[in-house]
C-alpha atoms as a PDB file:
ATOM      1  CA  MET A   1      -0.612   3.185  27.836  1.00  0.00           C
ATOM      2  CA  THR A   2      -0.366   0.620  24.983  1.00  0.00           C
ATOM      3  CA  THR A   3       2.657  -1.658  24.823  1.00  0.00           C
ATOM      4  CA  HIS A   4       4.094  -2.632  21.428  1.00  0.00           C
ATOM      5  CA  ASN A   5       7.422  -4.068  21.731  1.00  0.00           C
ATOM      6  CA  LYS A   6       8.210  -4.024  18.011  1.00  0.00           C
ATOM      7  CA  LEU A   7      10.686  -2.472  15.343  1.00  0.00           C
ATOM      8  CA  ILE A   8       9.197   0.746  13.848  1.00  0.00           C
ATOM      9  CA  ARG A   9       9.980   3.124  11.116  1.00  0.00           C
ATOM     10  CA  ASN A  10      12.363   5.944  11.901  1.00  0.00           C
ATOM     11  CA  PHE A  11       9.765   8.767  11.970  1.00  0.00           C
ATOM     12  CA  ILE A  12       7.174   7.070  14.169  1.00  0.00           C
ATOM     13  CA  PRO A  13       8.426   8.669  17.471  1.00  0.00           C
ATOM     14  CA  ASN A  14       8.038  12.066  15.951  1.00  0.00           C
ATOM     15  CA  ILE A  15       4.577  11.213  14.515  1.00  0.00           C
ATOM     16  CA  ILE A  16       3.549  10.033  17.975  1.00  0.00           C
ATOM     17  CA  ALA A  17       4.915  13.259  19.536  1.00  0.00           C
ATOM     18  CA  SER A  18       3.054  15.424  17.016  1.00  0.00           C
ATOM     19  CA  THR A  19      -0.168  13.982  18.473  1.00  0.00           C
ATOM     20  CA  GLY A  20       0.706  15.178  22.026  1.00  0.00           C
ATOM     21  CA  LYS A  21       1.562  11.711  23.183  1.00  0.00           C
ATOM     22  CA  SER A  22       4.980  10.431  24.307  1.00  0.00           C
ATOM     23  CA  SER A  23       6.741   7.006  23.731  1.00  0.00           C
ATOM     24  CA  THR A  24       9.486   5.092  25.104  1.00  0.00           C
ATOM     25  CA  THR A  25      12.090   3.605  22.672  1.00  0.00           C
ATOM     26  CA  CYS A  26      15.609   2.103  22.602  1.00  0.00           C
ATOM     27  CA  ILE A  27      18.248   1.582  19.948  1.00  0.00           C
ATOM     28  CA  LEU A  28      18.739  -2.179  19.074  1.00  0.00           C
ATOM     29  CA  ASP A  29      22.118  -3.823  18.821  1.00  0.00           C
ATOM     30  CA  GLU A  30      22.966  -5.575  15.548  1.00  0.00           C
ATOM     31  CA  ALA A  31      21.843  -8.969  16.705  1.00  0.00           C
ATOM     32  CA  GLU A  32      18.562  -7.686  18.210  1.00  0.00           C
ATOM     33  CA  TYR A  33      17.956  -5.592  14.993  1.00  0.00           C
ATOM     34  CA  ALA A  34      18.309  -8.610  12.688  1.00  0.00           C
ATOM     35  CA  THR A  35      15.963 -10.678  14.955  1.00  0.00           C
ATOM     36  CA  GLU A  36      13.397  -7.870  15.037  1.00  0.00           C
ATOM     37  CA  LEU A  37      13.582  -7.385  11.155  1.00  0.00           C
ATOM     38  CA  ARG A  38      12.677 -11.003  10.749  1.00  0.00           C
ATOM     39  CA  ALA A  39       9.811 -10.609  13.066  1.00  0.00           C
ATOM     40  CA  LYS A  40       8.734  -7.420  11.163  1.00  0.00           C
ATOM     41  CA  LEU A  41       8.842  -9.298   7.869  1.00  0.00           C
ATOM     42  CA  ARG A  42       6.477 -11.887   9.308  1.00  0.00           C
ATOM     43  CA  GLU A  43       4.188  -9.177  10.634  1.00  0.00           C
ATOM     44  CA  GLU A  44       4.115  -7.381   7.250  1.00  0.00           C
ATOM     45  CA  ALA A  45       3.409 -10.802   5.479  1.00  0.00           C
ATOM     46  CA  ASP A  46       0.565 -11.454   7.835  1.00  0.00           C
ATOM     47  CA  GLU A  47      -0.886  -7.946   7.100  1.00  0.00           C
ATOM     48  CA  TYR A  48      -0.402  -8.714   3.304  1.00  0.00           C
ATOM     49  CA  PHE A  49      -2.409 -11.976   3.654  1.00  0.00           C
ATOM     50  CA  ALA A  50      -5.209 -10.112   5.647  1.00  0.00           C
ATOM     51  CA  ALA A  51      -5.456  -7.215   3.087  1.00  0.00           C
ATOM     52  CA  SER A  52      -8.885  -6.801   1.769  1.00  0.00           C
ATOM     53  CA  SER A  53      -8.099  -4.617  -1.359  1.00  0.00           C
ATOM     54  CA  ASP A  54      -5.440  -4.309  -3.965  1.00  0.00           C
ATOM     55  CA  ALA A  55      -4.496  -0.959  -2.574  1.00  0.00           C
ATOM     56  CA  ASP A  56      -4.015  -2.413   0.904  1.00  0.00           C
ATOM     57  CA  ALA A  57      -2.080  -5.351  -0.468  1.00  0.00           C
ATOM     58  CA  LEU A  58       0.293  -3.003  -2.318  1.00  0.00           C
ATOM     59  CA  GLU A  59       0.717  -0.908   0.794  1.00  0.00           C
ATOM     60  CA  GLU A  60       1.848  -4.157   2.688  1.00  0.00           C
ATOM     61  CA  LEU A  61       4.001  -5.276  -0.257  1.00  0.00           C
ATOM     62  CA  ALA A  62       5.861  -1.776  -0.009  1.00  0.00           C
ATOM     63  CA  ASP A  63       6.313  -2.354   3.769  1.00  0.00           C
ATOM     64  CA  MET A  64       7.825  -5.800   3.054  1.00  0.00           C
ATOM     65  CA  LEU A  65      10.106  -4.377   0.477  1.00  0.00           C
ATOM     66  CA  GLU A  66      11.374  -1.714   2.972  1.00  0.00           C
ATOM     67  CA  VAL A  67      12.045  -4.622   5.459  1.00  0.00           C
ATOM     68  CA  ILE A  68      13.754  -6.819   2.919  1.00  0.00           C
ATOM     69  CA  ARG A  69      16.065  -3.986   1.930  1.00  0.00           C
ATOM     70  CA  ALA A  70      16.914  -3.459   5.660  1.00  0.00           C
ATOM     71  CA  LEU A  71      17.426  -7.211   6.192  1.00  0.00           C
ATOM     72  CA  ALA A  72      19.716  -7.256   3.005  1.00  0.00           C
ATOM     73  CA  ALA A  73      21.914  -4.630   4.566  1.00  0.00           C
ATOM     74  CA  THR A  74      22.185  -6.962   7.773  1.00  0.00           C
ATOM     75  CA  HIS A  75      23.657  -9.527   5.366  1.00  0.00           C
ATOM     76  CA  GLY A  76      26.011  -6.982   3.794  1.00  0.00           C
ATOM     77  CA  ALA A  77      24.224  -6.127   0.510  1.00  0.00           C
ATOM     78  CA  ASP A  78      22.667  -2.937  -0.644  1.00  0.00           C
ATOM     79  CA  PRO A  79      19.489  -2.734  -2.652  1.00  0.00           C
ATOM     80  CA  GLN A  80      21.435  -2.876  -6.036  1.00  0.00           C
ATOM     81  CA  GLN A  81      23.142  -6.010  -5.043  1.00  0.00           C
ATOM     82  CA  LEU A  82      20.053  -7.620  -3.818  1.00  0.00           C
ATOM     83  CA  GLU A  83      18.416  -6.823  -7.236  1.00  0.00           C
ATOM     84  CA  GLN A  84      21.342  -8.236  -9.106  1.00  0.00           C
ATOM     85  CA  ILE A  85      20.936 -11.434  -7.132  1.00  0.00           C
ATOM     86  CA  ARG A  86      17.337 -11.456  -8.027  1.00  0.00           C
ATOM     87  CA  ALA A  87      18.025 -10.731 -11.768  1.00  0.00           C
ATOM     88  CA  ASP A  88      20.655 -13.425 -11.949  1.00  0.00           C
ATOM     89  CA  LYS A  89      18.458 -16.026 -10.388  1.00  0.00           C
ATOM     90  CA  ALA A  90      15.586 -14.972 -12.744  1.00  0.00           C
ATOM     91  CA  ALA A  91      17.977 -15.299 -15.711  1.00  0.00           C
ATOM     92  CA  GLN A  92      18.874 -18.791 -14.634  1.00  0.00           C
ATOM     93  CA  ARG A  93      15.712 -20.198 -13.381  1.00  0.00           C
ATOM     94  CA  GLY A  94      13.061 -17.753 -14.754  1.00  0.00           C
ATOM     95  CA  GLY A  95      10.379 -15.760 -12.786  1.00  0.00           C
ATOM     96  CA  PHE A  96       6.939 -16.548 -11.874  1.00  0.00           C
ATOM     97  CA  ASP A  97       4.882 -14.777 -14.506  1.00  0.00           C
ATOM     98  CA  GLN A  98       4.061 -17.855 -16.475  1.00  0.00           C
ATOM     99  CA  ARG A  99       2.024 -19.064 -13.507  1.00  0.00           C
ATOM    100  CA  ILE A 100       3.464 -22.697 -13.756  1.00  0.00           C
ATOM    101  CA  TYR A 101       2.460 -24.916 -10.960  1.00  0.00           C
ATOM    102  CA  LEU A 102       4.372 -28.093 -10.381  1.00  0.00           C
ATOM    103  CA  ILE A 103       2.187 -31.051  -9.355  1.00  0.00           C
ATOM    104  CA  ASP A 104       4.736 -33.856  -9.315  1.00  0.00           C
ATOM    105  CA  VAL A 105       7.929 -35.226 -10.758  1.00  0.00           C
ATOM    106  CA  HIS A 106       8.153 -38.779 -12.094  1.00  0.00           C
ATOM    107  CA  GLU A 107      11.292 -40.971 -11.927  1.00  0.00           C
ATOM    108  CA  SER A 108      12.302 -42.500 -15.276  1.00  0.00           C
END
């Protein structure tokens, strides 16, 4: 028996069952769910930083996006609202595509 104690994707119990194994799961309450989503985002970020190829990195970024969308829902927003917030912020402050790196700010 392997213990995981972590939030998993919806189809994982069925995938486990299809291999002839069984699993024990429970449904989290809202507070537990939000806490576990935060832990999942950290887990996926660690996996992204450990990725050894572009393909692996993109897989982990996709996982992070899935978790971020679920986290947005815990804060009362759907993916479209989250995207609008992102777009508004990019319009006001720009994105990151110009690769600008701030070294310091001098007082006048």
